[in-house]
Amino acid sequence: MLTIEIETKPTQLGYEILKDHVLPSILGKHEDDILYWAGKSVARKFPVFSIDEIPTFFEEAGWGPLTYEDARAPKDESWLTLRQSDRTLLEKRSYQLEAGFIAQQFQKLNGFLTECYGEKLLKDDQIRFIVKWDPKTKMQ
């Protein structure tokens, strides 16, 4: 008997409904804080083994194309850029889930207390994630 496996992936529309409508209505004014910590939790459940794997995870998760801009960043920072094609979504959407994910992955890999925040660059249709760590604060 011939068996055909069909791989199903969530649609982009399904992701956008959850991210842009369901979560904001449930989380209300605490959306950004909760999404940041949720992103850290996602990172713990889906660890990467090098910083170079983070853009691949973003693509596979449907979060968009992520690239590094480290050449201009200070030595205790990294900069990553997420390109978005829909400016309306870029203006309205919270990117704290992604920021929390990036912060936790860097913290796990570099061993220092790490935070990340997103800066919306509307004229370029992108989010710049600024990752900062404290080399004096080693994590266990």
N, C-alpha and C. Protein backbone atom coordinates (compact mmCIF):
# COMPACT_ATOMS: atom_id res chain seq x y z
N MET A 1 0.84 -1.17 0.00
CA MET A 1 0.00 0.00 0.00
C MET A 1 0.89 1.24 0.00
N LEU A 2 0.54 2.19 -0.84
CA LEU A 2 1.28 3.43 -0.99
C LEU A 2 0.80 4.43 0.05
N THR A 3 1.74 4.98 0.80
CA THR A 3 1.41 5.98 1.80
C THR A 3 2.03 7.31 1.38
N ILE A 4 1.23 8.34 1.38
CA ILE A 4 1.72 9.67 1.02
C ILE A 4 1.68 10.54 2.27
N GLU A 5 2.84 11.11 2.58
CA GLU A 5 2.90 12.02 3.72
C GLU A 5 2.80 13.44 3.20
N ILE A 6 1.94 14.19 3.80
CA ILE A 6 1.79 15.59 3.44
C ILE A 6 2.29 16.43 4.60
N GLU A 7 3.26 17.27 4.29
CA GLU A 7 3.79 18.15 5.32
C GLU A 7 2.91 19.39 5.39
N THR A 8 2.42 19.67 6.57
CA THR A 8 1.60 20.87 6.73
C THR A 8 2.36 21.88 7.56
N LYS A 9 2.26 23.13 7.13
CA LYS A 9 2.88 24.24 7.85
C LYS A 9 1.80 25.27 8.11
N PRO A 10 1.90 25.96 9.22
CA PRO A 10 0.93 27.03 9.45
C PRO A 10 1.07 28.09 8.35
N THR A 11 -0.03 28.66 7.99
CA THR A 11 0.01 29.70 6.96
C THR A 11 0.48 31.01 7.57
N GLN A 12 0.96 31.88 6.73
CA GLN A 12 1.37 33.21 7.19
C GLN A 12 0.16 33.95 7.74
N LEU A 13 -0.99 33.77 7.11
CA LEU A 13 -2.21 34.42 7.58
C LEU A 13 -2.54 33.97 9.01
N GLY A 14 -2.42 32.69 9.27
CA GLY A 14 -2.69 32.17 10.62
C GLY A 14 -1.76 32.79 11.65
N TYR A 15 -0.48 32.89 11.29
CA TYR A 15 0.49 33.52 12.18
C TYR A 15 0.13 34.97 12.43
N GLU A 16 -0.23 35.69 11.36
CA GLU A 16 -0.55 37.11 11.50
C GLU A 16 -1.81 37.33 12.33
N ILE A 17 -2.79 36.46 12.20
CA ILE A 17 -4.01 36.59 13.00
C ILE A 17 -3.66 36.46 14.49
N LEU A 18 -2.87 35.45 14.82
CA LEU A 18 -2.48 35.27 16.22
C LEU A 18 -1.64 36.44 16.73
N LYS A 19 -0.62 36.80 15.97
CA LYS A 19 0.34 37.83 16.41
C LYS A 19 -0.27 39.23 16.46
N ASP A 20 -1.13 39.54 15.48
CA ASP A 20 -1.61 40.92 15.35
C ASP A 20 -2.99 41.17 15.95
N HIS A 21 -3.75 40.11 16.23
CA HIS A 21 -5.10 40.32 16.72
C HIS A 21 -5.40 39.56 18.01
N VAL A 22 -5.10 38.26 18.04
CA VAL A 22 -5.46 37.46 19.21
C VAL A 22 -4.60 37.85 20.42
N LEU A 23 -3.27 37.81 20.26
CA LEU A 23 -2.41 38.11 21.41
C LEU A 23 -2.60 39.52 21.97
N PRO A 24 -2.64 40.55 21.12
CA PRO A 24 -2.86 41.89 21.70
C PRO A 24 -4.18 42.01 22.46
N SER A 25 -5.23 41.34 21.99
CA SER A 25 -6.51 41.46 22.70
C SER A 25 -6.48 40.70 24.03
N ILE A 26 -5.73 39.63 24.10
CA ILE A 26 -5.64 38.86 25.35
C ILE A 26 -4.68 39.53 26.34
N LEU A 27 -3.54 40.00 25.84
CA LEU A 27 -2.49 40.50 26.72
C LEU A 27 -2.66 41.97 27.11
N GLY A 28 -3.39 42.72 26.30
CA GLY A 28 -3.66 44.12 26.62
C GLY A 28 -2.40 44.94 26.80
N LYS A 29 -2.40 45.78 27.84
CA LYS A 29 -1.28 46.71 28.05
C LYS A 29 0.02 46.01 28.45
N HIS A 30 -0.06 44.73 28.79
CA HIS A 30 1.13 43.98 29.20
C HIS A 30 1.73 43.17 28.05
N GLU A 31 1.21 43.41 26.84
CA GLU A 31 1.64 42.61 25.68
C GLU A 31 3.16 42.57 25.51
N ASP A 32 3.81 43.72 25.50
CA ASP A 32 5.26 43.74 25.24
C ASP A 32 6.05 42.97 26.29
N ASP A 33 5.73 43.17 27.57
CA ASP A 33 6.45 42.47 28.63
C ASP A 33 6.25 40.96 28.55
N ILE A 34 5.03 40.54 28.36
CA ILE A 34 4.73 39.10 28.31
C ILE A 34 5.36 38.47 27.08
N LEU A 35 5.29 39.14 25.94
CA LEU A 35 5.88 38.57 24.72
C LEU A 35 7.40 38.46 24.84
N TYR A 36 8.04 39.42 25.50
CA TYR A 36 9.50 39.34 25.69
C TYR A 36 9.87 38.09 26.48
N TRP A 37 9.17 37.86 27.60
CA TRP A 37 9.46 36.69 28.41
C TRP A 37 9.04 35.40 27.73
N ALA A 38 8.00 35.46 26.92
CA ALA A 38 7.60 34.29 26.12
C ALA A 38 8.68 33.97 25.10
N GLY A 39 9.27 34.99 24.50
CA GLY A 39 10.37 34.77 23.55
C GLY A 39 11.56 34.10 24.21
N LYS A 40 11.87 34.49 25.44
CA LYS A 40 12.96 33.84 26.17
C LYS A 40 12.62 32.37 26.43
N SER A 41 11.36 32.11 26.75
CA SER A 41 10.93 30.73 26.98
C SER A 41 11.02 29.90 25.69
N VAL A 42 10.62 30.48 24.58
CA VAL A 42 10.72 29.78 23.29
C VAL A 42 12.19 29.45 23.00
N ALA A 43 13.08 30.38 23.30
CA ALA A 43 14.51 30.14 23.07
C ALA A 43 15.04 28.99 23.91
N ARG A 44 14.54 28.86 25.13
CA ARG A 44 14.97 27.74 25.98
C ARG A 44 14.46 26.41 25.44
N LYS A 45 13.29 26.42 24.82
CA LYS A 45 12.71 25.19 24.26
C LYS A 45 13.29 24.84 22.90
N PHE A 46 13.80 25.84 22.18
CA PHE A 46 14.37 25.64 20.85
C PHE A 46 15.76 26.27 20.80
N PRO A 47 16.71 25.69 21.54
CA PRO A 47 18.04 26.31 21.60
C PRO A 47 18.79 26.17 20.28
N VAL A 48 19.59 27.18 19.98
CA VAL A 48 20.50 27.10 18.84
C VAL A 48 21.89 26.80 19.41
N PHE A 49 22.77 26.33 18.54
CA PHE A 49 24.10 25.94 19.00
C PHE A 49 25.17 26.92 18.57
N SER A 50 24.75 27.93 17.77
CA SER A 50 25.64 29.03 17.43
C SER A 50 24.77 30.23 17.05
N ILE A 51 25.34 31.40 17.17
CA ILE A 51 24.62 32.63 16.83
C ILE A 51 24.19 32.60 15.36
N ASP A 52 24.99 31.96 14.52
CA ASP A 52 24.69 31.90 13.10
C ASP A 52 23.41 31.14 12.78
N GLU A 53 22.89 30.36 13.72
CA GLU A 53 21.66 29.59 13.50
C GLU A 53 20.40 30.42 13.75
N ILE A 54 20.52 31.58 14.38
CA ILE A 54 19.34 32.38 14.71
C ILE A 54 18.59 32.82 13.46
N PRO A 55 19.26 33.33 12.40
CA PRO A 55 18.51 33.70 11.19
C PRO A 55 17.76 32.52 10.56
N THR A 56 18.35 31.34 10.62
CA THR A 56 17.68 30.14 10.08
C THR A 56 16.41 29.85 10.88
N PHE A 57 16.50 29.97 12.20
CA PHE A 57 15.31 29.76 13.03
C PHE A 57 14.22 30.77 12.66
N PHE A 58 14.60 32.03 12.50
CA PHE A 58 13.62 33.07 12.13
C PHE A 58 12.90 32.71 10.85
N GLU A 59 13.64 32.26 9.85
CA GLU A 59 13.02 31.88 8.57
C GLU A 59 12.07 30.70 8.76
N GLU A 60 12.52 29.68 9.47
CA GLU A 60 11.70 28.49 9.67
C GLU A 60 10.46 28.78 10.51
N ALA A 61 10.57 29.72 11.44
CA ALA A 61 9.42 30.09 12.28
C ALA A 61 8.47 31.04 11.56
N GLY A 62 8.86 31.53 10.39
CA GLY A 62 8.02 32.47 9.66
C GLY A 62 8.11 33.89 10.19
N TRP A 63 9.19 34.18 10.93
CA TRP A 63 9.35 35.51 11.51
C TRP A 63 9.98 36.49 10.54
N GLY A 64 10.58 36.00 9.46
CA GLY A 64 11.16 36.88 8.46
C GLY A 64 12.67 36.76 8.34
N PRO A 65 13.23 37.47 7.35
CA PRO A 65 14.68 37.41 7.10
C PRO A 65 15.47 38.28 8.09
N LEU A 66 16.35 37.64 8.82
CA LEU A 66 17.16 38.30 9.84
C LEU A 66 18.62 38.30 9.38
N THR A 67 19.29 39.45 9.48
CA THR A 67 20.70 39.55 9.10
C THR A 67 21.47 40.27 10.19
N TYR A 68 22.80 40.07 10.20
CA TYR A 68 23.68 40.71 11.18
C TYR A 68 24.22 42.02 10.63
N GLU A 69 24.42 42.97 11.55
CA GLU A 69 25.06 44.26 11.24
C GLU A 69 26.21 44.49 12.21
N ASP A 70 26.84 43.45 12.69
CA ASP A 70 27.84 43.55 13.75
C ASP A 70 28.99 44.50 13.47
N ALA A 71 29.32 44.77 12.22
CA ALA A 71 30.50 45.58 11.91
C ALA A 71 30.46 46.95 12.57
N ARG A 72 29.25 47.51 12.75
CA ARG A 72 29.14 48.85 13.34
C ARG A 72 28.85 48.81 14.84
N ALA A 73 28.59 47.66 15.40
CA ALA A 73 28.19 47.56 16.81
C ALA A 73 29.40 47.64 17.74
N PRO A 74 29.22 48.24 18.93
CA PRO A 74 30.28 48.22 19.95
C PRO A 74 30.61 46.79 20.36
N LYS A 75 31.72 46.60 21.08
CA LYS A 75 32.17 45.24 21.39
C LYS A 75 31.26 44.48 22.36
N ASP A 76 30.42 45.19 23.12
CA ASP A 76 29.52 44.50 24.04
C ASP A 76 28.08 44.47 23.48
N GLU A 77 27.96 44.60 22.16
CA GLU A 77 26.65 44.59 21.50
C GLU A 77 26.72 43.82 20.19
N SER A 78 25.56 43.38 19.76
CA SER A 78 25.37 42.88 18.40
C SER A 78 24.12 43.54 17.85
N TRP A 79 24.10 43.76 16.57
CA TRP A 79 22.93 44.33 15.91
C TRP A 79 22.46 43.35 14.85
N LEU A 80 21.16 43.11 14.85
CA LEU A 80 20.54 42.25 13.84
C LEU A 80 19.37 43.01 13.23
N THR A 81 19.10 42.77 11.97
CA THR A 81 18.04 43.48 11.28
C THR A 81 17.03 42.49 10.72
N LEU A 82 15.77 42.77 11.00
CA LEU A 82 14.66 41.98 10.49
C LEU A 82 13.91 42.82 9.46
N ARG A 83 13.88 42.35 8.24
CA ARG A 83 13.18 43.08 7.17
C ARG A 83 11.72 42.67 7.15
N GLN A 84 10.83 43.65 7.03
CA GLN A 84 9.39 43.42 6.95
C GLN A 84 8.86 44.05 5.66
N SER A 85 8.00 43.34 4.98
CA SER A 85 7.51 43.85 3.70
C SER A 85 6.24 44.69 3.84
N ASP A 86 5.57 44.59 4.96
CA ASP A 86 4.31 45.32 5.15
C ASP A 86 4.51 46.42 6.19
N ARG A 87 4.59 47.66 5.72
CA ARG A 87 4.86 48.78 6.63
C ARG A 87 3.76 48.96 7.66
N THR A 88 2.51 48.69 7.29
CA THR A 88 1.41 48.83 8.24
C THR A 88 1.61 47.89 9.42
N LEU A 89 1.99 46.63 9.14
CA LEU A 89 2.25 45.69 10.22
C LEU A 89 3.47 46.13 11.02
N LEU A 90 4.48 46.61 10.35
CA LEU A 90 5.69 47.06 11.02
C LEU A 90 5.38 48.15 12.04
N GLU A 91 4.50 49.07 11.67
CA GLU A 91 4.15 50.17 12.57
C GLU A 91 3.37 49.69 13.78
N LYS A 92 2.47 48.72 13.60
CA LYS A 92 1.56 48.29 14.67
C LYS A 92 2.09 47.14 15.52
N ARG A 93 2.85 46.27 14.93
CA ARG A 93 3.22 45.00 15.55
C ARG A 93 4.28 45.16 16.64
N SER A 94 4.14 44.33 17.67
CA SER A 94 5.16 44.23 18.70
C SER A 94 6.19 43.19 18.25
N TYR A 95 7.45 43.48 18.44
CA TYR A 95 8.52 42.55 18.09
C TYR A 95 9.26 42.08 19.33
N GLN A 96 8.55 42.10 20.46
CA GLN A 96 9.15 41.71 21.73
C GLN A 96 9.36 40.20 21.83
N LEU A 97 8.53 39.40 21.20
CA LEU A 97 8.73 37.95 21.20
C LEU A 97 10.09 37.65 20.57
N GLU A 98 10.34 38.26 19.43
CA GLU A 98 11.59 38.06 18.73
C GLU A 98 12.78 38.59 19.54
N ALA A 99 12.62 39.75 20.18
CA ALA A 99 13.68 40.32 20.99
C ALA A 99 14.02 39.41 22.17
N GLY A 100 13.01 38.89 22.84
CA GLY A 100 13.25 37.97 23.96
C GLY A 100 13.96 36.70 23.51
N PHE A 101 13.55 36.20 22.34
CA PHE A 101 14.18 34.99 21.78
C PHE A 101 15.67 35.25 21.53
N ILE A 102 15.96 36.37 20.88
CA ILE A 102 17.36 36.70 20.57
C ILE A 102 18.17 36.88 21.86
N ALA A 103 17.61 37.60 22.83
CA ALA A 103 18.32 37.84 24.09
C ALA A 103 18.69 36.53 24.77
N GLN A 104 17.74 35.62 24.86
CA GLN A 104 18.00 34.35 25.54
C GLN A 104 19.03 33.50 24.80
N GLN A 105 18.96 33.49 23.47
CA GLN A 105 19.94 32.70 22.71
C GLN A 105 21.34 33.26 22.91
N PHE A 106 21.51 34.58 22.84
CA PHE A 106 22.82 35.18 23.06
C PHE A 106 23.30 34.91 24.49
N GLN A 107 22.40 35.04 25.47
CA GLN A 107 22.78 34.82 26.86
C GLN A 107 23.28 33.40 27.06
N LYS A 108 22.58 32.44 26.48
CA LYS A 108 22.98 31.03 26.61
C LYS A 108 24.35 30.80 25.97
N LEU A 109 24.55 31.41 24.82
CA LEU A 109 25.78 31.16 24.08
C LEU A 109 26.98 31.96 24.58
N ASN A 110 26.75 33.21 25.05
CA ASN A 110 27.91 34.01 25.49
C ASN A 110 28.13 33.95 26.99
N GLY A 111 27.14 33.46 27.75
CA GLY A 111 27.31 33.28 29.18
C GLY A 111 27.18 34.53 30.02
N PHE A 112 26.79 35.65 29.41
CA PHE A 112 26.64 36.90 30.14
C PHE A 112 25.18 37.34 30.17
N LEU A 113 24.81 38.07 31.20
CA LEU A 113 23.48 38.65 31.28
C LEU A 113 23.25 39.48 30.02
N THR A 114 22.16 39.20 29.30
CA THR A 114 21.94 39.81 27.98
C THR A 114 20.51 40.30 27.85
N GLU A 115 20.36 41.45 27.23
CA GLU A 115 19.04 42.01 26.91
C GLU A 115 19.01 42.38 25.44
N CYS A 116 17.81 42.51 24.90
CA CYS A 116 17.65 42.89 23.50
C CYS A 116 16.42 43.77 23.36
N TYR A 117 16.50 44.75 22.52
CA TYR A 117 15.32 45.55 22.21
C TYR A 117 15.31 45.86 20.72
N GLY A 118 14.10 46.07 20.21
CA GLY A 118 13.93 46.35 18.80
C GLY A 118 13.69 47.83 18.56
N GLU A 119 14.31 48.33 17.53
CA GLU A 119 14.17 49.73 17.12
C GLU A 119 13.56 49.71 15.71
N LYS A 120 12.38 50.29 15.56
CA LYS A 120 11.71 50.29 14.26
C LYS A 120 12.32 51.35 13.35
N LEU A 121 12.79 50.91 12.20
CA LEU A 121 13.33 51.81 11.19
C LEU A 121 12.34 51.84 10.03
N LEU A 122 11.31 52.66 10.18
CA LEU A 122 10.18 52.65 9.25
C LEU A 122 10.59 52.99 7.83
N LYS A 123 11.50 53.93 7.65
CA LYS A 123 11.87 54.33 6.29
C LYS A 123 12.58 53.19 5.55
N ASP A 124 13.16 52.25 6.30
CA ASP A 124 13.86 51.12 5.69
C ASP A 124 13.05 49.83 5.75
N ASP A 125 11.82 49.90 6.29
CA ASP A 125 10.96 48.72 6.45
C ASP A 125 11.67 47.59 7.21
N GLN A 126 12.25 47.95 8.34
CA GLN A 126 12.94 46.94 9.12
C GLN A 126 12.97 47.27 10.61
N ILE A 127 13.29 46.25 11.37
CA ILE A 127 13.49 46.36 12.82
C ILE A 127 14.97 46.07 13.07
N ARG A 128 15.63 46.93 13.81
CA ARG A 128 17.00 46.64 14.22
C ARG A 128 16.93 46.16 15.67
N PHE A 129 17.41 44.95 15.90
CA PHE A 129 17.49 44.40 17.25
C PHE A 129 18.88 44.71 17.78
N ILE A 130 18.91 45.38 18.92
CA ILE A 130 20.17 45.72 19.57
C ILE A 130 20.31 44.79 20.77
N VAL A 131 21.33 43.95 20.72
CA VAL A 131 21.60 42.97 21.77
C VAL A 131 22.76 43.50 22.59
N LYS A 132 22.55 43.64 23.90
CA LYS A 132 23.59 44.15 24.79
C LYS A 132 23.82 43.13 25.91
N TRP A 133 25.08 42.92 26.23
CA TRP A 133 25.40 42.04 27.34
C TRP A 133 26.38 42.72 28.28
N ASP A 134 26.38 42.24 29.51
CA ASP A 134 27.25 42.81 30.54
C ASP A 134 28.38 41.81 30.81
N PRO A 135 29.59 42.09 30.32
CA PRO A 135 30.70 41.15 30.51
C PRO A 135 31.09 40.96 31.99
N LYS A 136 30.57 41.82 32.87
CA LYS A 136 30.86 41.69 34.29
C LYS A 136 29.88 40.76 34.99
N THR A 137 28.77 40.42 34.32
CA THR A 137 27.74 39.61 34.94
C THR A 137 27.66 38.26 34.26
N LYS A 138 28.41 37.32 34.78
CA LYS A 138 28.45 35.96 34.23
C LYS A 138 27.22 35.18 34.72
N MET A 139 26.57 34.48 33.81
CA MET A 139 25.40 33.67 34.17
C MET A 139 25.85 32.25 34.49
N GLN A 140 25.16 31.60 35.37
CA GLN A 140 25.49 30.22 35.77
C GLN A 140 24.99 29.22 34.77
